[in-house]
């Protein structure tokens, strides 16, 4: 049914308003980052006297700001790599291998997704204390490197891959590891990329776990660094917004570069053959 002109105008007008309301906090943050301190409380969103020097002041005043960047990128990258590795191996075992109790174990594995992360935070912290991994990269990376959601997601992708490929590879003399690395992993690439994006973005902006694990200033990640930056400079909102904009650059670039893979991965995961 063809829509009338006024109906199209109404639909697109509504979508535009919804989009603007979603973008409003981001636009306010970017515009505020270019304001001098005396203009922060002004009703006018656009700065009267743009002050791009805020970004230079952030780099000059926060001596560890560059270190916060590197810590966040380092931790998020390693967590992403290890999550892909562990989730893909577990998904392969649940989707392609036959062993007693496989479905029951998978059900129990999925049940862990219903447990809030706050509940497991204290036991995880106690384990890190016993292992003497407080205030270390290992303490930030290891507990976050296992994902029931990632296993479930990749398992759905692997179930959609024809099992005839496994059988043909085994006939040619390939073992389970060869089938996993040379057959399944390349075909599950859209799902792997999608999981990598979700994992990186989730860990790059993670606040609570680094907050209880990190004590020294040089080990802080960006969320912890921004929190300390806000309190150290007496609520300098203009500098805080500039630092927040700078912290958003890596995830925005990642999303722009990998957007087509993200959409393709979600589509393939939703329709399983």
C-alpha atoms as a PDB file:
ATOM      1  CA  UNK A   1       0.000   0.000   0.000  1.00  0.00           C
ATOM      2  CA  UNK A   2       1.423   3.355  -1.057  1.00  0.00           C
ATOM      3  CA  UNK A   3       1.584   5.951   1.690  1.00  0.00           C
ATOM      4  CA  UNK A   4       0.251   9.433   1.172  1.00  0.00           C
ATOM      5  CA  UNK A   5       2.495  12.483   1.285  1.00  0.00           C
ATOM      6  CA  UNK A   6       1.275  13.667   4.669  1.00  0.00           C
ATOM      7  CA  UNK A   7       1.815  10.193   6.122  1.00  0.00           C
ATOM      8  CA  UNK A   8       5.414  10.145   4.893  1.00  0.00           C
ATOM      9  CA  UNK A   9       5.990  13.606   6.334  1.00  0.00           C
ATOM     10  CA  UNK A  10       4.579  12.467   9.691  1.00  0.00           C
ATOM     11  CA  UNK A  11       6.717   9.305   9.770  1.00  0.00           C
ATOM     12  CA  UNK A  12       9.952  11.025   8.806  1.00  0.00           C
ATOM     13  CA  UNK A  13       9.223  13.953  11.117  1.00  0.00           C
ATOM     14  CA  UNK A  14       8.713  11.568  14.049  1.00  0.00           C
ATOM     15  CA  UNK A  15      11.893   9.658  13.249  1.00  0.00           C
ATOM     16  CA  UNK A  16      13.825  12.913  13.005  1.00  0.00           C
ATOM     17  CA  UNK A  17      12.602  14.051  16.422  1.00  0.00           C
ATOM     18  CA  UNK A  18      13.479  10.722  17.975  1.00  0.00           C
ATOM     19  CA  UNK A  19      16.948  10.852  16.394  1.00  0.00           C
ATOM     20  CA  UNK A  20      17.533  14.404  17.640  1.00  0.00           C
ATOM     21  CA  UNK A  21      16.445  13.487  21.163  1.00  0.00           C
ATOM     22  CA  UNK A  22      18.897  10.577  21.109  1.00  0.00           C
ATOM     23  CA  UNK A  23      21.744  12.733  19.792  1.00  0.00           C
ATOM     24  CA  UNK A  24      21.035  15.663  22.125  1.00  0.00           C
ATOM     25  CA  UNK A  25      23.283  14.528  25.026  1.00  0.00           C
ATOM     26  CA  UNK A  26      26.133  13.822  22.619  1.00  0.00           C
ATOM     27  CA  UNK A  27      25.750  17.196  20.885  1.00  0.00           C
ATOM     28  CA  UNK A  28      25.602  18.961  24.255  1.00  0.00           C
ATOM     29  CA  UNK A  29      28.814  17.222  25.315  1.00  0.00           C
ATOM     30  CA  UNK A  30      30.657  18.173  22.121  1.00  0.00           C
ATOM     31  CA  UNK A  31      29.478  21.802  22.207  1.00  0.00           C
ATOM     32  CA  UNK A  32      30.287  22.151  25.909  1.00  0.00           C
ATOM     33  CA  UNK A  33      33.795  20.862  25.268  1.00  0.00           C
ATOM     34  CA  UNK A  34      34.422  23.995  23.166  1.00  0.00           C
ATOM     35  CA  UNK A  35      33.080  26.443  25.769  1.00  0.00           C
ATOM     36  CA  UNK A  36      35.144  28.410  28.288  1.00  0.00           C
ATOM     37  CA  UNK A  37      34.231  27.786  31.911  1.00  0.00           C
ATOM     38  CA  UNK A  38      32.121  30.944  32.249  1.00  0.00           C
ATOM     39  CA  UNK A  39      29.831  29.829  29.384  1.00  0.00           C
ATOM     40  CA  UNK A  40      29.130  26.313  30.641  1.00  0.00           C
ATOM     41  CA  UNK A  41      25.994  27.329  32.525  1.00  0.00           C
ATOM     42  CA  UNK A  42      24.607  29.387  29.644  1.00  0.00           C
ATOM     43  CA  UNK A  43      21.290  28.304  28.152  1.00  0.00           C
ATOM     44  CA  UNK A  44      22.627  28.820  24.637  1.00  0.00           C
ATOM     45  CA  UNK A  45      24.058  25.464  23.503  1.00  0.00           C
ATOM     46  CA  UNK A  46      26.441  26.944  20.924  1.00  0.00           C
ATOM     47  CA  UNK A  47      29.555  28.528  22.463  1.00  0.00           C
ATOM     48  CA  UNK A  48      29.719  32.305  22.027  1.00  0.00           C
ATOM     49  CA  UNK A  49      33.515  32.270  22.136  1.00  0.00           C
ATOM     50  CA  UNK A  50      34.769  28.842  21.051  1.00  0.00           C
ATOM     51  CA  UNK A  51      37.634  27.648  23.204  1.00  0.00           C
ATOM     52  CA  UNK A  52      39.324  24.622  21.531  1.00  0.00           C
ATOM     53  CA  UNK A  53      42.231  25.011  23.919  1.00  0.00           C
ATOM     54  CA  UNK A  54      40.213  22.860  26.357  1.00  0.00           C
ATOM     55  CA  UNK A  55      41.603  19.789  24.636  1.00  0.00           C
ATOM     56  CA  UNK A  56      45.166  20.973  25.081  1.00  0.00           C
ATOM     57  CA  UNK A  57      44.505  21.808  28.733  1.00  0.00           C
ATOM     58  CA  UNK A  58      43.238  18.269  29.329  1.00  0.00           C
ATOM     59  CA  UNK A  59      46.456  16.805  27.952  1.00  0.00           C
ATOM     60  CA  UNK A  60      48.600  19.280  29.897  1.00  0.00           C
ATOM     61  CA  UNK A  61      46.837  19.093  33.266  1.00  0.00           C
ATOM     62  CA  UNK A  62      46.100  15.375  33.417  1.00  0.00           C
ATOM     63  CA  UNK A  63      49.610  13.929  33.414  1.00  0.00           C
ATOM     64  CA  UNK A  64      48.389  10.353  33.093  1.00  0.00           C
ATOM     65  CA  UNK A  65      45.620  10.943  30.550  1.00  0.00           C
ATOM     66  CA  UNK A  66      47.608   9.317  27.755  1.00  0.00           C
ATOM     67  CA  UNK A  67      48.314   6.373  30.079  1.00  0.00           C
ATOM     68  CA  UNK A  68      44.573   6.031  30.743  1.00  0.00           C
ATOM     69  CA  UNK A  69      44.063   5.751  26.993  1.00  0.00           C
ATOM     70  CA  UNK A  70      46.710   3.047  26.632  1.00  0.00           C
ATOM     71  CA  UNK A  71      45.411   1.108  29.641  1.00  0.00           C
ATOM     72  CA  UNK A  72      41.864   1.041  28.301  1.00  0.00           C
ATOM     73  CA  UNK A  73      42.958   0.026  24.808  1.00  0.00           C
ATOM     74  CA  UNK A  74      45.347  -2.618  26.154  1.00  0.00           C
ATOM     75  CA  UNK A  75      42.829  -4.186  28.528  1.00  0.00           C
ATOM     76  CA  UNK A  76      39.923  -4.062  26.062  1.00  0.00           C
ATOM     77  CA  UNK A  77      42.049  -5.548  23.265  1.00  0.00           C
ATOM     78  CA  UNK A  78      43.296  -8.446  25.358  1.00  0.00           C
ATOM     79  CA  UNK A  79      39.851  -9.162  26.788  1.00  0.00           C
ATOM     80  CA  UNK A  80      38.431  -9.153  23.261  1.00  0.00           C
ATOM     81  CA  UNK A  81      41.097 -11.551  21.993  1.00  0.00           C
ATOM     82  CA  UNK A  82      40.724 -13.981  24.895  1.00  0.00           C
ATOM     83  CA  UNK A  83      36.928 -13.824  24.802  1.00  0.00           C
ATOM     84  CA  UNK A  84      36.922 -14.673  21.095  1.00  0.00           C
ATOM     85  CA  UNK A  85      39.311 -17.566  21.744  1.00  0.00           C
ATOM     86  CA  UNK A  86      37.470 -19.066  24.718  1.00  0.00           C
ATOM     87  CA  UNK A  87      33.969 -18.464  23.355  1.00  0.00           C
ATOM     88  CA  UNK A  88      34.752 -19.913  19.931  1.00  0.00           C
ATOM     89  CA  UNK A  89      36.336 -23.034  21.440  1.00  0.00           C
ATOM     90  CA  UNK A  90      33.386 -23.568  23.780  1.00  0.00           C
ATOM     91  CA  UNK A  91      30.893 -22.887  20.977  1.00  0.00           C
ATOM     92  CA  UNK A  92      32.669 -25.434  18.756  1.00  0.00           C
ATOM     93  CA  UNK A  93      32.420 -28.038  21.497  1.00  0.00           C
ATOM     94  CA  UNK A  94      28.709 -27.367  22.006  1.00  0.00           C
ATOM     95  CA  UNK A  95      27.793 -27.088  18.310  1.00  0.00           C
ATOM     96  CA  UNK A  96      30.019 -29.561  16.434  1.00  0.00           C
ATOM     97  CA  UNK A  97      31.278 -32.207  18.868  1.00  0.00           C
ATOM     98  CA  UNK A  98      29.259 -35.066  20.330  1.00  0.00           C
ATOM     99  CA  UNK A  99      29.831 -35.927  23.982  1.00  0.00           C
ATOM    100  CA  UNK A 100      27.656 -37.154  26.884  1.00  0.00           C
ATOM    101  CA  UNK A 101      25.653 -34.455  28.660  1.00  0.00           C
ATOM    102  CA  UNK A 102      26.424 -31.789  26.062  1.00  0.00           C
ATOM    103  CA  UNK A 103      22.936 -30.242  26.012  1.00  0.00           C
ATOM    104  CA  UNK A 104      22.595 -30.331  29.801  1.00  0.00           C
ATOM    105  CA  UNK A 105      25.954 -28.617  30.292  1.00  0.00           C
ATOM    106  CA  UNK A 106      25.021 -25.999  27.720  1.00  0.00           C
ATOM    107  CA  UNK A 107      21.762 -25.310  29.550  1.00  0.00           C
ATOM    108  CA  UNK A 108      23.652 -24.801  32.812  1.00  0.00           C
ATOM    109  CA  UNK A 109      26.135 -22.601  30.973  1.00  0.00           C
ATOM    110  CA  UNK A 110      23.319 -20.409  29.678  1.00  0.00           C
ATOM    111  CA  UNK A 111      21.789 -20.226  33.154  1.00  0.00           C
ATOM    112  CA  UNK A 112      24.817 -18.227  34.294  1.00  0.00           C
ATOM    113  CA  UNK A 113      23.625 -15.388  32.043  1.00  0.00           C
ATOM    114  CA  UNK A 114      20.709 -14.846  34.429  1.00  0.00           C
ATOM    115  CA  UNK A 115      23.059 -14.097  37.351  1.00  0.00           C
ATOM    116  CA  UNK A 116      23.706 -10.328  37.647  1.00  0.00           C
ATOM    117  CA  UNK A 117      27.317  -9.284  37.408  1.00  0.00           C
ATOM    118  CA  UNK A 118      27.058  -7.472  40.756  1.00  0.00           C
ATOM    119  CA  UNK A 119      26.414 -10.815  42.468  1.00  0.00           C
ATOM    120  CA  UNK A 120      29.604 -12.405  41.127  1.00  0.00           C
ATOM    121  CA  UNK A 121      31.733  -9.303  41.613  1.00  0.00           C
ATOM    122  CA  UNK A 122      32.566  -9.997  45.265  1.00  0.00           C
ATOM    123  CA  UNK A 123      33.551 -13.665  44.701  1.00  0.00           C
ATOM    124  CA  UNK A 124      35.666 -12.640  41.721  1.00  0.00           C
ATOM    125  CA  UNK A 125      37.331  -9.952  43.815  1.00  0.00           C
ATOM    126  CA  UNK A 126      38.050 -12.480  46.592  1.00  0.00           C
ATOM    127  CA  UNK A 127      39.667 -14.805  44.045  1.00  0.00           C
ATOM    128  CA  UNK A 128      41.811 -11.968  42.684  1.00  0.00           C
ATOM    129  CA  UNK A 129      42.927 -11.145  46.246  1.00  0.00           C
ATOM    130  CA  UNK A 130      43.942 -14.770  46.846  1.00  0.00           C
ATOM    131  CA  UNK A 131      45.844 -14.826  43.542  1.00  0.00           C
ATOM    132  CA  UNK A 132      47.492 -11.466  44.385  1.00  0.00           C
ATOM    133  CA  UNK A 133      46.291  -9.888  41.143  1.00  0.00           C
ATOM    134  CA  UNK A 134      44.954  -6.640  42.569  1.00  0.00           C
ATOM    135  CA  UNK A 135      46.095  -3.491  40.769  1.00  0.00           C
ATOM    136  CA  UNK A 136      47.383  -5.484  37.784  1.00  0.00           C
ATOM    137  CA  UNK A 137      46.527  -6.013  34.141  1.00  0.00           C
ATOM    138  CA  UNK A 138      45.939  -9.702  34.793  1.00  0.00           C
ATOM    139  CA  UNK A 139      43.286  -8.874  37.386  1.00  0.00           C
ATOM    140  CA  UNK A 140      41.478  -6.649  34.888  1.00  0.00           C
ATOM    141  CA  UNK A 141      41.733  -9.054  31.954  1.00  0.00           C
ATOM    142  CA  UNK A 142      41.317 -12.629  33.194  1.00  0.00           C
ATOM    143  CA  UNK A 143      37.863 -12.429  34.889  1.00  0.00           C
ATOM    144  CA  UNK A 144      36.385 -10.664  31.839  1.00  0.00           C
ATOM    145  CA  UNK A 145      37.779 -13.118  29.280  1.00  0.00           C
ATOM    146  CA  UNK A 146      34.967 -15.677  29.499  1.00  0.00           C
ATOM    147  CA  UNK A 147      31.509 -14.944  28.128  1.00  0.00           C
ATOM    148  CA  UNK A 148      28.409 -17.145  28.188  1.00  0.00           C
ATOM    149  CA  UNK A 149      26.744 -14.720  25.784  1.00  0.00           C
ATOM    150  CA  UNK A 150      29.684 -14.986  23.383  1.00  0.00           C
ATOM    151  CA  UNK A 151      29.549 -18.779  23.517  1.00  0.00           C
ATOM    152  CA  UNK A 152      25.821 -18.792  22.845  1.00  0.00           C
ATOM    153  CA  UNK A 153      26.158 -16.329  19.981  1.00  0.00           C
ATOM    154  CA  UNK A 154      28.969 -18.191  18.216  1.00  0.00           C
ATOM    155  CA  UNK A 155      27.244 -21.526  18.787  1.00  0.00           C
ATOM    156  CA  UNK A 156      24.235 -20.223  16.842  1.00  0.00           C
ATOM    157  CA  UNK A 157      26.535 -19.290  13.953  1.00  0.00           C
ATOM    158  CA  UNK A 158      28.282 -22.646  13.997  1.00  0.00           C
ATOM    159  CA  UNK A 159      24.991 -24.534  13.995  1.00  0.00           C
ATOM    160  CA  UNK A 160      24.216 -22.844  10.687  1.00  0.00           C
ATOM    161  CA  UNK A 161      27.371 -24.200   9.034  1.00  0.00           C
ATOM    162  CA  UNK A 162      26.693 -27.464   7.123  1.00  0.00           C
ATOM    163  CA  UNK A 163      28.129 -30.467   8.944  1.00  0.00           C
ATOM    164  CA  UNK A 164      29.082 -31.960   5.588  1.00  0.00           C
ATOM    165  CA  UNK A 165      32.105 -29.652   5.654  1.00  0.00           C
ATOM    166  CA  UNK A 166      33.297 -31.274   8.879  1.00  0.00           C
ATOM    167  CA  UNK A 167      32.809 -34.746   7.461  1.00  0.00           C
ATOM    168  CA  UNK A 168      34.660 -33.889   4.248  1.00  0.00           C
ATOM    169  CA  UNK A 169      37.582 -32.467   6.245  1.00  0.00           C
ATOM    170  CA  UNK A 170      37.739 -35.543   8.481  1.00  0.00           C
ATOM    171  CA  UNK A 171      37.738 -37.810   5.428  1.00  0.00           C
ATOM    172  CA  UNK A 172      40.721 -35.809   4.111  1.00  0.00           C
ATOM    173  CA  UNK A 173      42.549 -36.538   7.358  1.00  0.00           C
ATOM    174  CA  UNK A 174      41.856 -33.380   9.367  1.00  0.00           C
ATOM    175  CA  UNK A 175      41.485 -33.633  13.120  1.00  0.00           C
ATOM    176  CA  UNK A 176      39.169 -31.663  15.372  1.00  0.00           C
ATOM    177  CA  UNK A 177      41.639 -28.803  15.801  1.00  0.00           C
ATOM    178  CA  UNK A 178      42.204 -28.562  12.045  1.00  0.00           C
ATOM    179  CA  UNK A 179      38.446 -28.484  11.425  1.00  0.00           C
ATOM    180  CA  UNK A 180      38.070 -25.798  14.075  1.00  0.00           C
ATOM    181  CA  UNK A 181      40.786 -23.453  12.815  1.00  0.00           C
ATOM    182  CA  UNK A 182      40.625 -24.039   9.056  1.00  0.00           C
ATOM    183  CA  UNK A 183      36.916 -24.690   8.449  1.00  0.00           C
ATOM    184  CA  UNK A 184      34.675 -23.369  11.214  1.00  0.00           C
ATOM    185  CA  UNK A 185      36.511 -20.212  12.259  1.00  0.00           C
ATOM    186  CA  UNK A 186      36.711 -18.656   8.748  1.00  0.00           C
ATOM    187  CA  UNK A 187      33.027 -19.390   8.116  1.00  0.00           C
ATOM    188  CA  UNK A 188      32.020 -17.939  11.493  1.00  0.00           C
ATOM    189  CA  UNK A 189      33.920 -14.700  10.837  1.00  0.00           C
ATOM    190  CA  UNK A 190      30.798 -12.423  10.784  1.00  0.00           C
ATOM    191  CA  UNK A 191      29.797 -13.677  14.211  1.00  0.00           C
ATOM    192  CA  UNK A 192      33.340 -13.377  15.532  1.00  0.00           C
ATOM    193  CA  UNK A 193      33.621  -9.777  14.347  1.00  0.00           C
ATOM    194  CA  UNK A 194      30.248  -8.920  15.869  1.00  0.00           C
ATOM    195  CA  UNK A 195      31.239 -10.440  19.210  1.00  0.00           C
ATOM    196  CA  UNK A 196      34.598  -8.654  19.054  1.00  0.00           C
ATOM    197  CA  UNK A 197      32.871  -5.283  18.617  1.00  0.00           C
ATOM    198  CA  UNK A 198      30.463  -5.887  21.509  1.00  0.00           C
ATOM    199  CA  UNK A 199      33.257  -7.145  23.764  1.00  0.00           C
ATOM    200  CA  UNK A 200      35.661  -4.306  22.994  1.00  0.00           C
ATOM    201  CA  UNK A 201      33.056  -1.586  23.485  1.00  0.00           C
ATOM    202  CA  UNK A 202      31.782  -3.165  26.700  1.00  0.00           C
ATOM    203  CA  UNK A 203      35.237  -3.444  28.259  1.00  0.00           C
ATOM    204  CA  UNK A 204      36.569  -0.143  26.956  1.00  0.00           C
ATOM    205  CA  UNK A 205      33.857   1.699  28.886  1.00  0.00           C
ATOM    206  CA  UNK A 206      33.708  -0.629  31.890  1.00  0.00           C
ATOM    207  CA  UNK A 207      33.683   1.226  35.216  1.00  0.00           C
ATOM    208  CA  UNK A 208      32.799  -1.023  38.162  1.00  0.00           C
ATOM    209  CA  UNK A 209      35.389  -3.790  37.892  1.00  0.00           C
ATOM    210  CA  UNK A 210      38.398  -1.466  37.388  1.00  0.00           C
ATOM    211  CA  UNK A 211      37.011   0.756  40.152  1.00  0.00           C
ATOM    212  CA  UNK A 212      37.428  -1.975  42.783  1.00  0.00           C
ATOM    213  CA  UNK A 213      40.581  -3.511  41.286  1.00  0.00           C
ATOM    214  CA  UNK A 214      42.791  -0.488  40.591  1.00  0.00           C
ATOM    215  CA  UNK A 215      44.578   1.474  43.296  1.00  0.00           C
ATOM    216  CA  UNK A 216      47.519   3.201  41.623  1.00  0.00           C
ATOM    217  CA  UNK A 217      47.009   6.203  39.356  1.00  0.00           C
ATOM    218  CA  UNK A 218      49.133   4.819  36.528  1.00  0.00           C
ATOM    219  CA  UNK A 219      46.928   1.705  36.238  1.00  0.00           C
ATOM    220  CA  UNK A 220      43.642   3.561  35.836  1.00  0.00           C
ATOM    221  CA  UNK A 221      41.527   3.056  32.745  1.00  0.00           C
ATOM    222  CA  UNK A 222      39.688   5.912  31.043  1.00  0.00           C
ATOM    223  CA  UNK A 223      36.389   5.668  32.999  1.00  0.00           C
ATOM    224  CA  UNK A 224      38.291   5.716  36.314  1.00  0.00           C
ATOM    225  CA  UNK A 225      40.575   8.449  35.020  1.00  0.00           C
ATOM    226  CA  UNK A 226      37.627  10.615  33.979  1.00  0.00           C
ATOM    227  CA  UNK A 227      36.005  10.120  37.366  1.00  0.00           C
ATOM    228  CA  UNK A 228      39.174  11.197  39.148  1.00  0.00           C
ATOM    229  CA  UNK A 229      39.742  14.001  36.648  1.00  0.00           C
ATOM    230  CA  UNK A 230      36.336  15.493  37.468  1.00  0.00           C
ATOM    231  CA  UNK A 231      37.017  15.520  41.206  1.00  0.00           C
ATOM    232  CA  UNK A 232      40.636  16.708  40.909  1.00  0.00           C
ATOM    233  CA  UNK A 233      39.877  19.884  38.961  1.00  0.00           C
ATOM    234  CA  UNK A 234      36.975  21.185  41.037  1.00  0.00           C
ATOM    235  CA  UNK A 235      34.116  20.313  38.655  1.00  0.00           C
ATOM    236  CA  UNK A 236      35.726  21.845  35.568  1.00  0.00           C
ATOM    237  CA  UNK A 237      32.850  20.800  33.310  1.00  0.00           C
ATOM    238  CA  UNK A 238      34.387  22.205  30.140  1.00  0.00           C
ATOM    239  CA  UNK A 239      37.549  20.143  30.635  1.00  0.00           C
ATOM    240  CA  UNK A 240      35.533  17.103  31.658  1.00  0.00           C
ATOM    241  CA  UNK A 241      33.518  17.250  28.444  1.00  0.00           C
ATOM    242  CA  UNK A 242      36.665  17.656  26.357  1.00  0.00           C
ATOM    243  CA  UNK A 243      38.176  14.595  28.032  1.00  0.00           C
ATOM    244  CA  UNK A 244      34.950  12.640  27.452  1.00  0.00           C
ATOM    245  CA  UNK A 245      34.934  13.529  23.745  1.00  0.00           C
ATOM    246  CA  UNK A 246      38.550  12.421  23.439  1.00  0.00           C
ATOM    247  CA  UNK A 247      37.730   9.110  25.125  1.00  0.00           C
ATOM    248  CA  UNK A 248      34.952   8.428  22.594  1.00  0.00           C
ATOM    249  CA  UNK A 249      37.238   8.568  19.554  1.00  0.00           C
ATOM    250  CA  UNK A 250      38.415   4.902  19.557  1.00  0.00           C
ATOM    251  CA  UNK A 251      34.954   3.290  19.921  1.00  0.00           C
ATOM    252  CA  UNK A 252      33.464   5.644  17.328  1.00  0.00           C
ATOM    253  CA  UNK A 253      36.209   4.807  14.832  1.00  0.00           C
ATOM    254  CA  UNK A 254      35.750   1.102  15.550  1.00  0.00           C
ATOM    255  CA  UNK A 255      32.013   1.320  14.977  1.00  0.00           C
ATOM    256  CA  UNK A 256      32.384   3.295  11.741  1.00  0.00           C
ATOM    257  CA  UNK A 257      34.980   0.910  10.313  1.00  0.00           C
ATOM    258  CA  UNK A 258      33.162  -2.289  11.299  1.00  0.00           C
ATOM    259  CA  UNK A 259      29.548  -1.193  10.858  1.00  0.00           C
ATOM    260  CA  UNK A 260      28.901  -3.371   7.802  1.00  0.00           C
ATOM    261  CA  UNK A 261      30.313  -6.433   9.581  1.00  0.00           C
ATOM    262  CA  UNK A 262      28.161  -5.708  12.626  1.00  0.00           C
ATOM    263  CA  UNK A 263      24.953  -5.518  10.580  1.00  0.00           C
ATOM    264  CA  UNK A 264      25.865  -8.623   8.589  1.00  0.00           C
ATOM    265  CA  UNK A 265      26.713 -10.563  11.722  1.00  0.00           C
ATOM    266  CA  UNK A 266      23.434  -9.689  13.423  1.00  0.00           C
ATOM    267  CA  UNK A 267      21.464 -10.650  10.304  1.00  0.00           C
ATOM    268  CA  UNK A 268      23.211 -13.998   9.905  1.00  0.00           C
ATOM    269  CA  UNK A 269      22.812 -14.750  13.592  1.00  0.00           C
ATOM    270  CA  UNK A 270      19.099 -13.994  13.502  1.00  0.00           C
ATOM    271  CA  UNK A 271      18.401 -16.310  10.541  1.00  0.00           C
ATOM    272  CA  UNK A 272      19.935 -19.705  11.151  1.00  0.00           C
ATOM    273  CA  UNK A 273      19.722 -22.241   8.343  1.00  0.00           C
END
